[in-house]
Amino acid sequence: MENVLEVKNLTKKFGSSVDGFIAVNDISFSLKDGEILGVLGPNGAGKTTTIQMLLGIMEPSHGTIDYFGKEFIKNREEILKQINFSSTYINLPWWCTVSEILDLFCRLYGVKDRQKRIKKLATEFELDGLLSKQYSMLSAGERTRVLLTKAFLNYPKLLLLDEPTASLDIDIAVRIREFLKKQQKEYGVSMLLTSHNMSEVEEMCDRVIVINKGTIIATDTPENLAKSISSSYVELLISRDHKKAEDFFTKIDLPFEKNKHRFTLPIDEHKVAELLMLLASEKIEYEEIGIEKPDLEDYFLELIEKTKI
């Protein structure tokens, strides 16, 4: 697959060359045609600054941004017609109705058959009953849906999505994710997505980059990142021998949480068999066992902890 976005040595520094603050520090990454790339990082990591540079809102201190094989700075107008953006942190004209806002953006993008396009997307994002409503009267979730609708008006080849399902009810968020995946599958729309919802990133993204302190500290598939953590949780139901088990875990200095007769123990997944053998040798019987393996959130939290100053 070809790259629809290529970022090389992107840097943004605020202030003087001596005392300035580096918000984004020499990052490089690419987005393939039809791919969904997740961007994770704690608050202040440089995610928003990066997106603002990708949109041309902020000028980089150093580095290059290429869309569709063309340099962004030299082909800005042409490129902006082929991409779009949605963020829960921006606002649209409060005094306009939803229909007026969408019609305005259709005109800005030169969309043909404006009303047909608006009607189709309004149905997809469940906005039919809100088109005549003033934007200022909408709930946070309704505004998010309007912003997403706006982002699809110009049939974009590439979408920059900042927290796309924030403020949405769970059922609507599920449908939005299904719609986004459908656009990727049927029309090859590429997406760069930031989210604090780790399960959403795992479900949506083909690859993930992790940014902290303005630097990319990891990149891989969500599955591979999660697999890089060996720690797991073992849950055991021990009814008859629960007091004996509690004494044994304390004796071998193995931390545990107990809820009635259920024990939850953090343990390296490679040592689970060893633990079960120890229980057998102590004649401690368990009725049920469950093993919870690490997910992307576990990986993210551990990685951020390791990179703290």
Protein backbone atom coordinates (compact mmCIF):
# COMPACT_ATOMS: atom_id res chain seq x y z
CA MET A 1 0.00 0.00 0.00
CA GLU A 2 1.14 3.52 -0.75
CA ASN A 3 1.43 6.16 1.95
CA VAL A 4 -1.26 8.83 1.86
CA LEU A 5 0.51 10.73 4.65
CA GLU A 6 4.24 10.92 5.25
CA VAL A 7 5.63 12.87 8.20
CA LYS A 8 9.39 13.29 8.52
CA ASN A 9 11.32 14.84 11.42
CA LEU A 10 8.35 16.97 12.45
CA THR A 11 9.27 19.40 15.25
CA LYS A 12 7.48 22.25 16.96
CA LYS A 13 9.27 24.52 19.41
CA PHE A 14 7.72 27.43 21.26
CA GLY A 15 9.83 30.30 22.53
CA SER A 16 13.50 31.11 22.04
CA SER A 17 16.12 28.70 20.77
CA VAL A 18 17.68 28.60 24.24
CA ASP A 19 14.74 28.61 26.65
CA GLY A 20 11.98 27.37 24.35
CA PHE A 21 9.63 24.45 24.96
CA ILE A 22 9.67 21.56 22.47
CA ALA A 23 6.09 20.32 22.11
CA VAL A 24 6.82 17.89 19.26
CA ASN A 25 10.33 16.53 18.96
CA ASP A 26 11.53 15.16 15.61
CA ILE A 27 8.75 12.62 14.99
CA SER A 28 8.39 10.59 11.80
CA PHE A 29 5.53 8.30 10.80
CA SER A 30 3.38 7.32 7.82
CA LEU A 31 -0.25 6.47 7.14
CA LYS A 32 -0.98 3.87 4.48
CA ASP A 33 -3.82 4.01 1.97
CA GLY A 34 -6.96 2.65 3.65
CA GLU A 35 -5.31 2.32 7.05
CA ILE A 36 -6.57 3.51 10.44
CA LEU A 37 -3.67 4.74 12.56
CA GLY A 38 -4.20 5.40 16.26
CA VAL A 39 -2.27 8.06 18.16
CA LEU A 40 -2.07 7.56 21.91
CA GLY A 41 -0.46 9.69 24.56
CA PRO A 42 -1.17 11.38 27.90
CA ASN A 43 -2.39 14.96 28.09
CA GLY A 44 0.38 17.31 26.99
CA ALA A 45 2.16 14.61 24.98
CA GLY A 46 2.02 16.58 21.71
CA LYS A 47 -0.98 14.95 20.00
CA THR A 48 -2.99 18.14 19.48
CA THR A 49 0.06 20.12 18.33
CA THR A 50 0.83 17.39 15.81
CA ILE A 51 -2.72 17.44 14.40
CA GLN A 52 -2.66 21.24 14.18
CA MET A 53 0.51 21.04 12.09
CA LEU A 54 -1.05 18.32 9.91
CA LEU A 55 -3.96 20.68 9.24
CA GLY A 56 -1.75 23.68 8.54
CA ILE A 57 -3.15 25.60 11.52
CA MET A 58 0.30 25.68 13.06
CA GLU A 59 3.60 25.93 11.20
CA PRO A 60 6.29 23.36 12.06
CA SER A 61 9.64 24.55 13.35
CA HIS A 62 11.25 21.77 11.34
CA GLY A 63 10.32 18.76 9.23
CA THR A 64 8.04 17.97 6.31
CA ILE A 65 4.44 16.82 5.78
CA ASP A 66 3.45 15.13 2.51
CA TYR A 67 -0.09 14.12 1.53
CA PHE A 68 -0.69 11.82 -1.43
CA GLY A 69 2.99 12.20 -2.42
CA LYS A 70 2.79 16.00 -2.49
CA GLU A 71 4.37 18.52 -0.14
CA PHE A 72 1.65 20.06 2.02
CA ILE A 73 3.16 23.52 2.25
CA LYS A 74 3.26 23.86 -1.57
CA ASN A 75 -0.08 22.19 -2.35
CA ARG A 76 -2.17 23.25 0.62
CA GLU A 77 -5.40 24.20 -1.19
CA GLU A 78 -5.45 21.06 -3.35
CA ILE A 79 -4.76 18.78 -0.38
CA LEU A 80 -7.28 20.36 1.99
CA LYS A 81 -10.05 19.53 -0.50
CA GLN A 82 -9.24 15.83 -0.10
CA ILE A 83 -8.97 15.63 3.69
CA ASN A 84 -11.22 16.57 6.61
CA PHE A 85 -11.13 16.86 10.36
CA SER A 86 -13.35 16.31 13.38
CA SER A 87 -12.67 17.09 17.02
CA THR A 88 -14.87 17.35 20.07
CA TYR A 89 -12.77 20.35 21.11
CA ILE A 90 -13.91 22.70 18.34
CA ASN A 91 -17.16 24.59 17.89
CA LEU A 92 -19.28 25.52 14.91
CA PRO A 93 -21.38 28.73 14.55
CA TRP A 94 -23.72 28.63 17.55
CA TRP A 95 -26.43 30.83 16.01
CA CYS A 96 -26.90 28.65 12.89
CA THR A 97 -29.10 25.61 12.49
CA VAL A 98 -27.51 22.24 11.81
CA SER A 99 -28.83 22.33 8.24
CA GLU A 100 -27.34 25.79 7.65
CA ILE A 101 -23.96 24.71 8.99
CA LEU A 102 -23.80 21.61 6.83
CA ASP A 103 -24.95 23.52 3.74
CA LEU A 104 -22.26 26.15 4.38
CA PHE A 105 -19.51 23.53 4.52
CA CYS A 106 -20.87 21.82 1.41
CA ARG A 107 -20.51 25.14 -0.43
CA LEU A 108 -16.97 25.65 0.93
CA TYR A 109 -15.97 22.19 -0.31
CA GLY A 110 -17.79 22.54 -3.61
CA VAL A 111 -20.01 19.51 -2.95
CA LYS A 112 -22.51 18.78 -5.72
CA ASP A 113 -26.11 17.84 -4.84
CA ARG A 114 -25.66 19.41 -1.41
CA GLN A 115 -29.05 18.49 0.04
CA LYS A 116 -28.79 14.89 -1.14
CA ARG A 117 -25.40 14.54 0.55
CA ILE A 118 -26.61 16.18 3.76
CA LYS A 119 -29.71 13.98 3.88
CA LYS A 120 -27.68 10.79 3.41
CA LEU A 121 -25.18 11.63 6.14
CA ALA A 122 -27.85 12.97 8.48
CA THR A 123 -29.49 9.56 8.32
CA GLU A 124 -26.18 7.76 8.93
CA PHE A 125 -25.42 9.92 11.99
CA GLU A 126 -29.04 10.09 13.20
CA LEU A 127 -29.40 13.84 12.72
CA ASP A 128 -32.70 13.88 10.79
CA GLY A 129 -34.61 15.34 13.71
CA LEU A 130 -31.93 17.93 14.47
CA LEU A 131 -31.42 19.64 11.10
CA SER A 132 -33.70 22.56 11.95
CA LYS A 133 -32.34 22.91 15.46
CA GLN A 134 -29.91 25.68 16.43
CA TYR A 135 -26.40 24.38 17.11
CA SER A 136 -26.26 26.11 20.52
CA MET A 137 -29.25 24.05 21.66
CA LEU A 138 -27.59 20.69 21.00
CA SER A 139 -26.15 18.38 23.64
CA ALA A 140 -22.44 17.52 23.64
CA GLY A 141 -23.16 14.17 21.99
CA GLU A 142 -25.34 15.76 19.30
CA ARG A 143 -22.61 18.30 18.50
CA THR A 144 -20.10 15.46 18.14
CA ARG A 145 -22.37 13.82 15.57
CA VAL A 146 -22.72 17.10 13.65
CA LEU A 147 -18.92 17.47 13.59
CA LEU A 148 -18.52 13.93 12.25
CA THR A 149 -21.17 14.59 9.61
CA LYS A 150 -19.32 17.73 8.58
CA ALA A 151 -16.11 15.70 8.27
CA PHE A 152 -17.62 13.38 5.64
CA LEU A 153 -19.32 15.98 3.45
CA ASN A 154 -16.51 16.29 0.88
CA TYR A 155 -15.98 12.52 0.37
CA PRO A 156 -12.53 12.75 2.06
CA LYS A 157 -9.69 10.40 1.19
CA LEU A 158 -8.15 10.97 4.60
CA LEU A 159 -9.71 11.89 7.95
CA LEU A 160 -8.05 13.32 11.04
CA LEU A 161 -10.26 12.37 13.98
CA ASP A 162 -9.62 13.73 17.46
CA GLU A 163 -11.69 11.79 20.04
CA PRO A 164 -14.40 10.94 17.46
CA THR A 165 -16.85 9.26 19.86
CA ALA A 166 -16.32 11.37 22.99
CA SER A 167 -19.60 12.50 24.66
CA LEU A 168 -21.61 9.91 22.73
CA ASP A 169 -23.95 7.36 24.30
CA ILE A 170 -22.55 3.83 24.11
CA ASP A 171 -25.04 2.60 21.50
CA ILE A 172 -24.44 5.59 19.22
CA ALA A 173 -20.67 5.31 19.67
CA VAL A 174 -20.88 1.69 18.53
CA ARG A 175 -22.80 2.71 15.40
CA ILE A 176 -20.33 5.52 14.67
CA ARG A 177 -17.42 3.07 14.87
CA GLU A 178 -19.28 0.71 12.55
CA PHE A 179 -19.83 3.58 10.09
CA LEU A 180 -16.15 4.54 10.19
CA LYS A 181 -15.07 0.95 9.57
CA LYS A 182 -17.55 0.73 6.70
CA GLN A 183 -16.06 3.85 5.11
CA GLN A 184 -12.60 2.34 5.44
CA LYS A 185 -13.65 -0.99 3.95
CA GLU A 186 -15.89 0.21 1.12
CA TYR A 187 -14.20 3.45 0.09
CA GLY A 188 -10.64 3.02 1.32
CA VAL A 189 -10.79 6.09 3.56
CA SER A 190 -7.61 6.48 5.59
CA MET A 191 -7.90 7.76 9.15
CA LEU A 192 -5.63 9.11 11.84
CA LEU A 193 -7.43 8.77 15.14
CA THR A 194 -6.71 9.95 18.68
CA SER A 195 -8.73 8.53 21.54
CA HIS A 196 -8.60 7.95 25.28
CA ASN A 197 -10.87 4.93 24.80
CA MET A 198 -8.41 2.04 24.63
CA SER A 199 -11.01 -0.53 23.63
CA GLU A 200 -12.00 1.76 20.75
CA VAL A 201 -8.39 1.97 19.58
CA GLU A 202 -8.02 -1.81 19.79
CA GLU A 203 -11.21 -2.28 17.77
CA MET A 204 -10.61 0.43 15.17
CA CYS A 205 -6.90 0.79 14.52
CA ASP A 206 -4.60 -1.24 12.30
CA ARG A 207 -1.53 0.33 13.92
CA VAL A 208 -0.83 2.55 16.92
CA ILE A 209 1.86 5.09 17.67
CA VAL A 210 2.43 6.19 21.26
CA ILE A 211 3.63 9.74 21.90
CA ASN A 212 5.01 11.02 25.18
CA LYS A 213 6.80 14.30 25.85
CA GLY A 214 6.65 15.09 22.14
CA THR A 215 8.46 11.92 21.08
CA ILE A 216 7.21 8.66 19.56
CA ILE A 217 8.12 5.98 22.08
CA ALA A 218 6.41 2.97 20.47
CA THR A 219 4.67 1.86 17.29
CA ASP A 220 3.05 -1.46 16.36
CA THR A 221 -0.32 -3.17 16.03
CA PRO A 222 -2.56 -2.99 19.14
CA GLU A 223 -2.26 -6.77 19.51
CA ASN A 224 1.54 -6.80 19.43
CA LEU A 225 1.82 -3.92 21.88
CA ALA A 226 -0.45 -5.71 24.36
CA LYS A 227 1.46 -8.98 23.92
CA SER A 228 4.71 -7.26 24.88
CA ILE A 229 3.51 -7.25 28.50
CA SER A 230 3.91 -10.60 30.21
CA SER A 231 1.98 -9.77 33.38
CA SER A 232 -1.48 -11.30 33.67
CA TYR A 233 -4.16 -11.74 36.31
CA VAL A 234 -5.24 -15.15 37.55
CA GLU A 235 -8.62 -15.45 39.25
CA LEU A 236 -9.22 -18.52 41.40
CA LEU A 237 -12.37 -19.65 43.19
CA ILE A 238 -11.18 -21.46 46.31
CA SER A 239 -14.04 -22.32 48.65
CA ARG A 240 -13.00 -25.08 51.03
CA ASP A 241 -9.31 -24.14 51.29
CA HIS A 242 -9.65 -20.33 51.12
CA LYS A 243 -7.99 -19.69 54.52
CA LYS A 244 -5.18 -22.09 53.68
CA ALA A 245 -4.70 -20.37 50.31
CA GLU A 246 -4.62 -16.92 51.94
CA ASP A 247 -1.91 -18.05 54.35
CA PHE A 248 0.07 -19.65 51.52
CA PHE A 249 -0.01 -16.60 49.24
CA THR A 250 1.09 -14.44 52.17
CA LYS A 251 3.89 -16.86 53.00
CA ILE A 252 5.37 -16.81 49.46
CA ASP A 253 4.86 -13.02 49.28
CA LEU A 254 2.48 -13.22 46.31
CA PRO A 255 0.13 -10.19 46.29
CA PHE A 256 -3.56 -10.93 45.96
CA GLU A 257 -7.03 -9.45 46.30
CA LYS A 258 -9.76 -11.48 47.93
CA ASN A 259 -13.52 -11.15 47.47
CA LYS A 260 -15.17 -13.80 49.61
CA HIS A 261 -13.69 -16.99 48.14
CA ARG A 262 -12.35 -15.47 44.92
CA PHE A 263 -8.66 -14.61 44.70
CA THR A 264 -7.18 -12.31 42.06
CA LEU A 265 -3.41 -12.53 41.67
CA PRO A 266 -1.12 -10.50 39.36
CA ILE A 267 1.43 -12.87 37.87
CA ASP A 268 3.69 -13.32 34.84
CA GLU A 269 1.72 -15.44 32.38
CA HIS A 270 4.75 -17.72 31.96
CA LYS A 271 4.56 -18.59 35.68
CA VAL A 272 0.88 -19.57 35.80
CA ALA A 273 1.67 -23.28 35.41
CA GLU A 274 4.22 -23.03 38.21
CA LEU A 275 1.62 -21.44 40.50
CA LEU A 276 -0.89 -24.21 39.83
CA MET A 277 1.76 -26.84 40.60
CA LEU A 278 2.52 -25.10 43.91
CA LEU A 279 -1.16 -25.13 44.81
CA ALA A 280 -1.32 -28.84 44.03
CA SER A 281 1.74 -29.53 46.17
CA GLU A 282 0.09 -27.67 49.07
CA LYS A 283 -3.13 -29.64 48.46
CA ILE A 284 -5.08 -26.43 47.88
CA GLU A 285 -8.02 -27.14 45.59
CA TYR A 286 -9.75 -24.59 43.39
CA GLU A 287 -13.12 -24.92 41.67
CA GLU A 288 -12.70 -22.29 38.94
CA ILE A 289 -9.82 -20.53 37.22
CA GLY A 290 -9.73 -17.55 34.87
CA ILE A 291 -6.77 -15.84 33.25
CA GLU A 292 -7.01 -12.22 32.16
CA LYS A 293 -4.27 -11.25 29.74
CA PRO A 294 -3.05 -7.66 29.34
CA ASP A 295 -4.72 -5.34 26.85
CA LEU A 296 -3.69 -2.10 25.17
CA GLU A 297 -4.61 -0.05 28.24
CA ASP A 298 -2.28 -2.12 30.42
CA TYR A 299 0.50 -1.61 27.89
CA PHE A 300 -0.13 2.13 27.67
CA LEU A 301 -0.15 2.65 31.44
CA GLU A 302 3.01 0.60 31.93
CA LEU A 303 4.85 2.36 29.12
CA ILE A 304 3.92 5.84 30.32
CA GLU A 305 5.00 4.89 33.86
CA LYS A 306 8.38 3.73 32.56
CA THR A 307 8.97 6.97 30.65
CA LYS A 308 8.18 9.31 33.52
CA ILE A 309 10.99 11.62 34.56
